[in-house]
Amino acid sequence: MLHSFFRWGTRRDLTHVDPTEGLPRTRPLPERPAIPWTAIEQQRLLDACRGIFDKQDPGRKFLHSRPGQRRGVSAVPPEYLYPLVFLGLRTGLRLGDLLHLEWRHIDFVRQRIIIPGVEVRTLTDIDIPLHPDVRALLEEIFSQALSLPQVPPRILEAVGLPMWKGLPDEREVLHVFRVVRRHADIQKGDFNSLRVSFLRNCALARVPMKDAARLCDWDGEGAILNLIYEDGALETRFPLR
């Protein structure tokens, strides 16, 4: 943690000395590679986020909350989950960036999502063109936000994003997402798979991986993305650089 702190300080020109350099560090935990989901799996996940399931399971329960109301449990996913997952698939943004995405980051005139680098983990400016479906979804959420007593700064707060001590409750969001993923019959992958699926979709659309990785601020050095085509018979490896 200290090494990460001083490394961040050197990037911001706050210090030029890292006293932790050369000190022994603990062995990092093995990273679980994100798994890109096929178009069929992505659609099944989006349907599950809307409460459409292939199999009936009356025992499923989802935490939910509405602006100004207490939390509760229901048999359908909370309203914020579909916009969250849809934005993740169409923008490739990290979970933290999506949870903290604000209206000031949306430029409807230029049709872009612009996040300053000082608000991003990699300190790199993010500039993503607005997909037409993303624009339509954001406009729908904004109309809901206007019906509230006060328009919340964060976009997903208008559709019931759970909060904890004034900040988005990432732990609860991940719990609900994993429950929905299981009910969508997707056994592998986690929220970061949305980012990898975004890169996969870009590759299938013949977008150069270098440009796609820049859009979603992919910072994996030397990583290789495995993109599996629809029929599963063809596998292509794209270097992210």
C-alpha atoms as a PDB file:
ATOM      1  CA  MET A   1       0.000   0.000   0.000  1.00  0.00           C
ATOM      2  CA  LEU A   2       2.811   2.409   0.845  1.00  0.00           C
ATOM      3  CA  HIS A   3       4.592   1.601  -2.406  1.00  0.00           C
ATOM      4  CA  SER A   4       1.396   2.330  -4.368  1.00  0.00           C
ATOM      5  CA  PHE A   5       0.967   5.593  -2.459  1.00  0.00           C
ATOM      6  CA  PHE A   6       4.483   6.854  -3.205  1.00  0.00           C
ATOM      7  CA  ARG A   7       4.256   5.686  -6.814  1.00  0.00           C
ATOM      8  CA  TRP A   8       1.067   7.734  -7.155  1.00  0.00           C
ATOM      9  CA  GLY A   9       2.880  10.707  -5.622  1.00  0.00           C
ATOM     10  CA  THR A  10       5.747  10.484  -8.090  1.00  0.00           C
ATOM     11  CA  ARG A  11       3.308  10.401 -11.002  1.00  0.00           C
ATOM     12  CA  ARG A  12       1.675  13.575  -9.687  1.00  0.00           C
ATOM     13  CA  ASP A  13       5.083  15.234  -9.115  1.00  0.00           C
ATOM     14  CA  LEU A  14       4.325  15.502  -5.395  1.00  0.00           C
ATOM     15  CA  THR A  15       7.551  13.727  -4.489  1.00  0.00           C
ATOM     16  CA  HIS A  16      10.639  12.465  -6.240  1.00  0.00           C
ATOM     17  CA  VAL A  17      11.684   9.941  -3.586  1.00  0.00           C
ATOM     18  CA  ASP A  18      10.148   6.525  -2.947  1.00  0.00           C
ATOM     19  CA  PRO A  19      11.427   5.306   0.457  1.00  0.00           C
ATOM     20  CA  THR A  20       9.807   1.902  -0.129  1.00  0.00           C
ATOM     21  CA  GLU A  21      11.915   1.210  -3.231  1.00  0.00           C
ATOM     22  CA  GLY A  22      14.027  -1.873  -2.701  1.00  0.00           C
ATOM     23  CA  LEU A  23      12.114  -3.125   0.332  1.00  0.00           C
ATOM     24  CA  PRO A  24      10.872  -6.745   0.200  1.00  0.00           C
ATOM     25  CA  ARG A  25       7.210  -7.024  -0.684  1.00  0.00           C
ATOM     26  CA  THR A  26       4.664  -9.722  -0.046  1.00  0.00           C
ATOM     27  CA  ARG A  27       3.989 -12.152  -2.847  1.00  0.00           C
ATOM     28  CA  PRO A  28       1.001 -10.923  -4.881  1.00  0.00           C
ATOM     29  CA  LEU A  29      -2.122 -13.029  -4.981  1.00  0.00           C
ATOM     30  CA  PRO A  30      -2.727 -14.878  -8.261  1.00  0.00           C
ATOM     31  CA  GLU A  31      -4.937 -12.843 -10.579  1.00  0.00           C
ATOM     32  CA  ARG A  32      -8.050 -14.448 -12.008  1.00  0.00           C
ATOM     33  CA  PRO A  33      -8.179 -13.664 -15.723  1.00  0.00           C
ATOM     34  CA  ALA A  34     -11.344 -11.997 -16.885  1.00  0.00           C
ATOM     35  CA  ILE A  35     -13.362 -14.112 -19.301  1.00  0.00           C
ATOM     36  CA  PRO A  36     -14.915 -12.455 -22.362  1.00  0.00           C
ATOM     37  CA  TRP A  37     -18.556 -13.366 -22.787  1.00  0.00           C
ATOM     38  CA  THR A  38     -20.115 -14.150 -26.134  1.00  0.00           C
ATOM     39  CA  ALA A  39     -22.940 -12.051 -27.591  1.00  0.00           C
ATOM     40  CA  ILE A  40     -25.453 -14.698 -26.475  1.00  0.00           C
ATOM     41  CA  GLU A  41     -24.136 -14.616 -22.906  1.00  0.00           C
ATOM     42  CA  GLN A  42     -24.148 -10.815 -22.904  1.00  0.00           C
ATOM     43  CA  GLN A  43     -27.779 -10.739 -24.012  1.00  0.00           C
ATOM     44  CA  ARG A  44     -28.728 -13.373 -21.452  1.00  0.00           C
ATOM     45  CA  LEU A  45     -27.071 -11.285 -18.748  1.00  0.00           C
ATOM     46  CA  LEU A  46     -28.907  -8.125 -19.845  1.00  0.00           C
ATOM     47  CA  ASP A  47     -32.201 -10.031 -19.844  1.00  0.00           C
ATOM     48  CA  ALA A  48     -31.471 -11.295 -16.332  1.00  0.00           C
ATOM     49  CA  CYS A  49     -30.757  -7.741 -15.183  1.00  0.00           C
ATOM     50  CA  ARG A  50     -34.271  -6.844 -16.381  1.00  0.00           C
ATOM     51  CA  GLY A  51     -35.747  -9.766 -14.454  1.00  0.00           C
ATOM     52  CA  ILE A  52     -36.142 -12.075 -17.472  1.00  0.00           C
ATOM     53  CA  PHE A  53     -34.889 -15.556 -16.596  1.00  0.00           C
ATOM     54  CA  ASP A  54     -34.860 -18.770 -18.602  1.00  0.00           C
ATOM     55  CA  LYS A  55     -35.735 -20.820 -15.536  1.00  0.00           C
ATOM     56  CA  GLN A  56     -38.161 -20.020 -12.762  1.00  0.00           C
ATOM     57  CA  ASP A  57     -36.516 -19.837  -9.365  1.00  0.00           C
ATOM     58  CA  PRO A  58     -38.832 -18.394  -6.695  1.00  0.00           C
ATOM     59  CA  GLY A  59     -36.049 -18.598  -4.121  1.00  0.00           C
ATOM     60  CA  ARG A  60     -33.891 -15.851  -5.582  1.00  0.00           C
ATOM     61  CA  LYS A  61     -33.678 -12.614  -3.617  1.00  0.00           C
ATOM     62  CA  PHE A  62     -32.124  -9.284  -4.538  1.00  0.00           C
ATOM     63  CA  LEU A  63     -31.291  -6.314  -2.374  1.00  0.00           C
ATOM     64  CA  HIS A  64     -32.790  -3.105  -3.668  1.00  0.00           C
ATOM     65  CA  SER A  65     -33.193   0.502  -2.623  1.00  0.00           C
ATOM     66  CA  ARG A  66     -34.956   3.546  -4.003  1.00  0.00           C
ATOM     67  CA  PRO A  67     -34.021   7.206  -3.485  1.00  0.00           C
ATOM     68  CA  GLY A  68     -35.457   8.298  -0.150  1.00  0.00           C
ATOM     69  CA  GLN A  69     -36.631   4.786   0.787  1.00  0.00           C
ATOM     70  CA  ARG A  70     -35.289   2.037   3.016  1.00  0.00           C
ATOM     71  CA  ARG A  71     -33.558  -1.003   1.597  1.00  0.00           C
ATOM     72  CA  GLY A  72     -35.543  -4.146   1.054  1.00  0.00           C
ATOM     73  CA  VAL A  73     -35.576  -7.532  -0.667  1.00  0.00           C
ATOM     74  CA  SER A  74     -37.447  -8.410  -3.845  1.00  0.00           C
ATOM     75  CA  ALA A  75     -37.674 -11.255  -6.362  1.00  0.00           C
ATOM     76  CA  VAL A  76     -36.495  -9.061  -9.252  1.00  0.00           C
ATOM     77  CA  PRO A  77     -33.132  -7.312  -9.678  1.00  0.00           C
ATOM     78  CA  PRO A  78     -32.843  -3.671  -8.573  1.00  0.00           C
ATOM     79  CA  GLU A  79     -33.486  -0.989 -11.175  1.00  0.00           C
ATOM     80  CA  TYR A  80     -29.908   0.308 -11.248  1.00  0.00           C
ATOM     81  CA  LEU A  81     -28.399  -3.028 -12.332  1.00  0.00           C
ATOM     82  CA  TYR A  82     -29.444  -3.011 -15.999  1.00  0.00           C
ATOM     83  CA  PRO A  83     -28.078   0.505 -16.702  1.00  0.00           C
ATOM     84  CA  LEU A  84     -24.870  -0.392 -14.857  1.00  0.00           C
ATOM     85  CA  VAL A  85     -24.264  -3.577 -16.847  1.00  0.00           C
ATOM     86  CA  PHE A  86     -25.337  -1.996 -20.138  1.00  0.00           C
ATOM     87  CA  LEU A  87     -22.944   0.912 -19.658  1.00  0.00           C
ATOM     88  CA  GLY A  88     -20.181  -1.522 -18.756  1.00  0.00           C
ATOM     89  CA  LEU A  89     -20.679  -3.466 -21.996  1.00  0.00           C
ATOM     90  CA  ARG A  90     -20.920  -0.355 -24.176  1.00  0.00           C
ATOM     91  CA  THR A  91     -18.142   1.756 -22.628  1.00  0.00           C
ATOM     92  CA  GLY A  92     -15.708  -0.703 -21.028  1.00  0.00           C
ATOM     93  CA  LEU A  93     -15.387   1.506 -17.947  1.00  0.00           C
ATOM     94  CA  ARG A  94     -14.290   0.085 -14.605  1.00  0.00           C
ATOM     95  CA  LEU A  95     -16.852  -0.550 -11.886  1.00  0.00           C
ATOM     96  CA  GLY A  96     -15.574   2.351  -9.766  1.00  0.00           C
ATOM     97  CA  ASP A  97     -15.741   4.754 -12.714  1.00  0.00           C
ATOM     98  CA  LEU A  98     -19.310   3.664 -13.502  1.00  0.00           C
ATOM     99  CA  LEU A  99     -20.480   3.993  -9.894  1.00  0.00           C
ATOM    100  CA  HIS A 100     -19.004   7.507  -9.662  1.00  0.00           C
ATOM    101  CA  LEU A 101     -20.043   8.592 -13.169  1.00  0.00           C
ATOM    102  CA  GLU A 102     -21.716  12.008 -12.895  1.00  0.00           C
ATOM    103  CA  TRP A 103     -23.796  14.147 -15.220  1.00  0.00           C
ATOM    104  CA  ARG A 104     -20.891  16.584 -15.584  1.00  0.00           C
ATOM    105  CA  HIS A 105     -18.982  13.774 -17.325  1.00  0.00           C
ATOM    106  CA  ILE A 106     -21.621  13.541 -20.083  1.00  0.00           C
ATOM    107  CA  ASP A 107     -21.420  15.914 -23.042  1.00  0.00           C
ATOM    108  CA  PHE A 108     -24.695  15.443 -24.919  1.00  0.00           C
ATOM    109  CA  VAL A 109     -23.730  18.132 -27.451  1.00  0.00           C
ATOM    110  CA  ARG A 110     -20.473  16.491 -28.504  1.00  0.00           C
ATOM    111  CA  GLN A 111     -21.931  13.060 -27.680  1.00  0.00           C
ATOM    112  CA  ARG A 112     -19.027  11.926 -25.537  1.00  0.00           C
ATOM    113  CA  ILE A 113     -18.227  10.672 -22.044  1.00  0.00           C
ATOM    114  CA  ILE A 114     -15.281  12.666 -20.705  1.00  0.00           C
ATOM    115  CA  ILE A 115     -13.622  11.790 -17.382  1.00  0.00           C
ATOM    116  CA  PRO A 116     -10.541  13.817 -16.302  1.00  0.00           C
ATOM    117  CA  GLY A 117      -7.410  11.835 -15.593  1.00  0.00           C
ATOM    118  CA  VAL A 118      -7.225  13.085 -11.992  1.00  0.00           C
ATOM    119  CA  GLU A 119     -10.410  11.073 -11.307  1.00  0.00           C
ATOM    120  CA  VAL A 120      -9.117   7.863 -12.893  1.00  0.00           C
ATOM    121  CA  ARG A 121      -6.826   5.261 -11.359  1.00  0.00           C
ATOM    122  CA  THR A 122      -4.304   5.476 -14.201  1.00  0.00           C
ATOM    123  CA  LEU A 123      -4.348   9.304 -14.265  1.00  0.00           C
ATOM    124  CA  THR A 124      -5.253   9.151 -17.967  1.00  0.00           C
ATOM    125  CA  ASP A 125      -8.067  11.216 -19.486  1.00  0.00           C
ATOM    126  CA  ILE A 126     -10.961   9.091 -20.745  1.00  0.00           C
ATOM    127  CA  ASP A 127     -12.865  10.237 -23.833  1.00  0.00           C
ATOM    128  CA  ILE A 128     -15.459   7.752 -25.104  1.00  0.00           C
ATOM    129  CA  PRO A 129     -17.900   8.430 -27.964  1.00  0.00           C
ATOM    130  CA  LEU A 130     -21.529   8.029 -26.924  1.00  0.00           C
ATOM    131  CA  HIS A 131     -23.105   4.954 -28.457  1.00  0.00           C
ATOM    132  CA  PRO A 132     -26.650   5.820 -29.667  1.00  0.00           C
ATOM    133  CA  ASP A 133     -28.141   3.232 -27.290  1.00  0.00           C
ATOM    134  CA  VAL A 134     -26.069   4.642 -24.410  1.00  0.00           C
ATOM    135  CA  ARG A 135     -27.281   8.157 -25.204  1.00  0.00           C
ATOM    136  CA  ALA A 136     -30.921   6.980 -25.225  1.00  0.00           C
ATOM    137  CA  LEU A 137     -30.438   5.225 -21.878  1.00  0.00           C
ATOM    138  CA  LEU A 138     -28.782   8.276 -20.281  1.00  0.00           C
ATOM    139  CA  GLU A 139     -31.569  10.542 -21.517  1.00  0.00           C
ATOM    140  CA  GLU A 140     -34.132   8.170 -20.011  1.00  0.00           C
ATOM    141  CA  ILE A 141     -32.324   8.154 -16.658  1.00  0.00           C
ATOM    142  CA  PHE A 142     -32.039  11.951 -16.733  1.00  0.00           C
ATOM    143  CA  SER A 143     -35.796  12.257 -17.205  1.00  0.00           C
ATOM    144  CA  GLN A 144     -36.231  10.077 -14.115  1.00  0.00           C
ATOM    145  CA  ALA A 145     -33.745  12.231 -12.208  1.00  0.00           C
ATOM    146  CA  LEU A 146     -35.769  15.350 -13.029  1.00  0.00           C
ATOM    147  CA  SER A 147     -38.795  13.797 -11.290  1.00  0.00           C
ATOM    148  CA  LEU A 148     -36.879  13.555  -8.002  1.00  0.00           C
ATOM    149  CA  PRO A 149     -36.894  16.403  -5.449  1.00  0.00           C
ATOM    150  CA  GLN A 150     -33.239  17.030  -6.298  1.00  0.00           C
ATOM    151  CA  VAL A 151     -31.210  15.732  -9.232  1.00  0.00           C
ATOM    152  CA  PRO A 152     -28.407  13.569  -7.761  1.00  0.00           C
ATOM    153  CA  PRO A 153     -24.895  14.233  -9.086  1.00  0.00           C
ATOM    154  CA  ARG A 154     -24.191  10.575  -9.809  1.00  0.00           C
ATOM    155  CA  ILE A 155     -26.109   9.120 -12.721  1.00  0.00           C
ATOM    156  CA  LEU A 156     -27.045   5.770 -11.194  1.00  0.00           C
ATOM    157  CA  GLU A 157     -28.347   7.368  -7.996  1.00  0.00           C
ATOM    158  CA  ALA A 158     -31.454   8.345  -9.954  1.00  0.00           C
ATOM    159  CA  VAL A 159     -32.296   4.655 -10.418  1.00  0.00           C
ATOM    160  CA  GLY A 160     -31.639   3.481  -6.867  1.00  0.00           C
ATOM    161  CA  LEU A 161     -27.879   2.976  -6.597  1.00  0.00           C
ATOM    162  CA  PRO A 162     -27.225   1.731  -3.026  1.00  0.00           C
ATOM    163  CA  MET A 163     -25.196   4.189  -0.961  1.00  0.00           C
ATOM    164  CA  TRP A 164     -23.156   3.718   2.198  1.00  0.00           C
ATOM    165  CA  LYS A 165     -21.962   6.744   4.162  1.00  0.00           C
ATOM    166  CA  GLY A 166     -22.427   9.017   1.169  1.00  0.00           C
ATOM    167  CA  LEU A 167     -20.584   6.783  -1.310  1.00  0.00           C
ATOM    168  CA  PRO A 168     -21.764   4.030  -3.683  1.00  0.00           C
ATOM    169  CA  ASP A 169     -21.899   0.676  -1.917  1.00  0.00           C
ATOM    170  CA  GLU A 170     -19.630  -1.312  -4.235  1.00  0.00           C
ATOM    171  CA  ARG A 171     -19.835  -4.429  -2.081  1.00  0.00           C
ATOM    172  CA  GLU A 172     -23.622  -4.651  -2.340  1.00  0.00           C
ATOM    173  CA  VAL A 173     -23.520  -3.925  -6.073  1.00  0.00           C
ATOM    174  CA  LEU A 174     -21.070  -6.774  -6.682  1.00  0.00           C
ATOM    175  CA  HIS A 175     -23.174  -9.145  -4.579  1.00  0.00           C
ATOM    176  CA  VAL A 176     -26.314  -8.421  -6.595  1.00  0.00           C
ATOM    177  CA  PHE A 177     -24.390  -8.645  -9.874  1.00  0.00           C
ATOM    178  CA  ARG A 178     -23.040 -12.091  -9.003  1.00  0.00           C
ATOM    179  CA  VAL A 179     -26.499 -13.340  -8.053  1.00  0.00           C
ATOM    180  CA  VAL A 180     -27.870 -12.178 -11.415  1.00  0.00           C
ATOM    181  CA  ARG A 181     -24.917 -13.674 -13.286  1.00  0.00           C
ATOM    182  CA  ARG A 182     -25.586 -17.072 -11.740  1.00  0.00           C
ATOM    183  CA  HIS A 183     -29.292 -16.897 -12.594  1.00  0.00           C
ATOM    184  CA  ALA A 184     -28.306 -16.011 -16.165  1.00  0.00           C
ATOM    185  CA  ASP A 185     -26.515 -19.404 -16.295  1.00  0.00           C
ATOM    186  CA  ILE A 186     -23.093 -17.758 -16.663  1.00  0.00           C
ATOM    187  CA  GLN A 187     -20.745 -19.761 -14.487  1.00  0.00           C
ATOM    188  CA  LYS A 188     -17.434 -17.969 -15.077  1.00  0.00           C
ATOM    189  CA  GLY A 189     -16.285 -14.371 -15.087  1.00  0.00           C
ATOM    190  CA  ASP A 190     -16.997 -11.365 -12.904  1.00  0.00           C
ATOM    191  CA  PHE A 191     -17.688  -7.666 -13.387  1.00  0.00           C
ATOM    192  CA  ASN A 192     -14.312  -7.117 -15.055  1.00  0.00           C
ATOM    193  CA  SER A 193     -15.499  -9.499 -17.766  1.00  0.00           C
ATOM    194  CA  LEU A 194     -17.712  -6.664 -19.004  1.00  0.00           C
ATOM    195  CA  ARG A 195     -14.547  -4.697 -19.872  1.00  0.00           C
ATOM    196  CA  VAL A 196     -13.015  -7.653 -21.682  1.00  0.00           C
ATOM    197  CA  SER A 197     -16.314  -8.305 -23.479  1.00  0.00           C
ATOM    198  CA  PHE A 198     -16.277  -4.666 -24.617  1.00  0.00           C
ATOM    199  CA  LEU A 199     -12.825  -5.235 -26.126  1.00  0.00           C
ATOM    200  CA  ARG A 200     -14.071  -8.428 -27.734  1.00  0.00           C
ATOM    201  CA  ASN A 201     -17.023  -6.599 -29.277  1.00  0.00           C
ATOM    202  CA  CYS A 202     -14.662  -3.930 -30.609  1.00  0.00           C
ATOM    203  CA  ALA A 203     -12.440  -6.578 -32.190  1.00  0.00           C
ATOM    204  CA  LEU A 204     -15.417  -8.228 -33.873  1.00  0.00           C
ATOM    205  CA  ALA A 205     -16.343  -4.780 -35.216  1.00  0.00           C
ATOM    206  CA  ARG A 206     -12.807  -4.495 -36.645  1.00  0.00           C
ATOM    207  CA  VAL A 207     -11.788  -1.754 -34.221  1.00  0.00           C
ATOM    208  CA  PRO A 208      -7.997  -1.835 -33.682  1.00  0.00           C
ATOM    209  CA  MET A 209      -7.187  -3.179 -30.236  1.00  0.00           C
ATOM    210  CA  LYS A 210      -4.860  -0.253 -29.587  1.00  0.00           C
ATOM    211  CA  ASP A 211      -7.762   2.198 -30.026  1.00  0.00           C
ATOM    212  CA  ALA A 212     -10.224   0.020 -28.104  1.00  0.00           C
ATOM    213  CA  ALA A 213      -7.836  -0.335 -25.150  1.00  0.00           C
ATOM    214  CA  ARG A 214      -7.296   3.440 -25.134  1.00  0.00           C
ATOM    215  CA  LEU A 215     -11.050   4.077 -25.022  1.00  0.00           C
ATOM    216  CA  CYS A 216     -11.626   1.974 -21.913  1.00  0.00           C
ATOM    217  CA  ASP A 217      -8.270   2.891 -20.321  1.00  0.00           C
ATOM    218  CA  TRP A 218      -6.972  -0.655 -20.289  1.00  0.00           C
ATOM    219  CA  ASP A 219      -3.695  -0.588 -18.352  1.00  0.00           C
ATOM    220  CA  GLY A 220      -2.593  -4.216 -18.505  1.00  0.00           C
ATOM    221  CA  GLU A 221       0.999  -4.231 -19.744  1.00  0.00           C
ATOM    222  CA  GLY A 222       1.805  -7.113 -22.024  1.00  0.00           C
ATOM    223  CA  ALA A 223      -1.645  -8.641 -21.532  1.00  0.00           C
ATOM    224  CA  ILE A 224      -3.220 -10.664 -24.309  1.00  0.00           C
ATOM    225  CA  LEU A 225      -6.954 -10.751 -24.832  1.00  0.00           C
ATOM    226  CA  ASN A 226      -8.532 -14.005 -25.982  1.00  0.00           C
ATOM    227  CA  LEU A 227     -11.534 -13.315 -28.174  1.00  0.00           C
ATOM    228  CA  ILE A 228     -13.741 -16.303 -28.893  1.00  0.00           C
ATOM    229  CA  TYR A 229     -16.059 -15.985 -31.884  1.00  0.00           C
ATOM    230  CA  GLU A 230     -19.762 -16.799 -31.818  1.00  0.00           C
ATOM    231  CA  ASP A 231     -19.495 -20.410 -33.019  1.00  0.00           C
ATOM    232  CA  GLY A 232     -16.615 -21.146 -30.625  1.00  0.00           C
ATOM    233  CA  ALA A 233     -14.614 -22.739 -33.454  1.00  0.00           C
ATOM    234  CA  LEU A 234     -12.247 -19.826 -33.985  1.00  0.00           C
ATOM    235  CA  GLU A 235     -10.031 -18.196 -31.382  1.00  0.00           C
ATOM    236  CA  THR A 236      -7.942 -15.135 -32.196  1.00  0.00           C
ATOM    237  CA  ARG A 237      -5.323 -13.574 -29.951  1.00  0.00           C
ATOM    238  CA  PHE A 238      -4.996  -9.800 -30.109  1.00  0.00           C
ATOM    239  CA  PRO A 239      -2.086  -8.015 -28.383  1.00  0.00           C
ATOM    240  CA  LEU A 240      -3.377  -4.992 -26.495  1.00  0.00           C
ATOM    241  CA  ARG A 241      -0.472  -2.876 -27.718  1.00  0.00           C
END
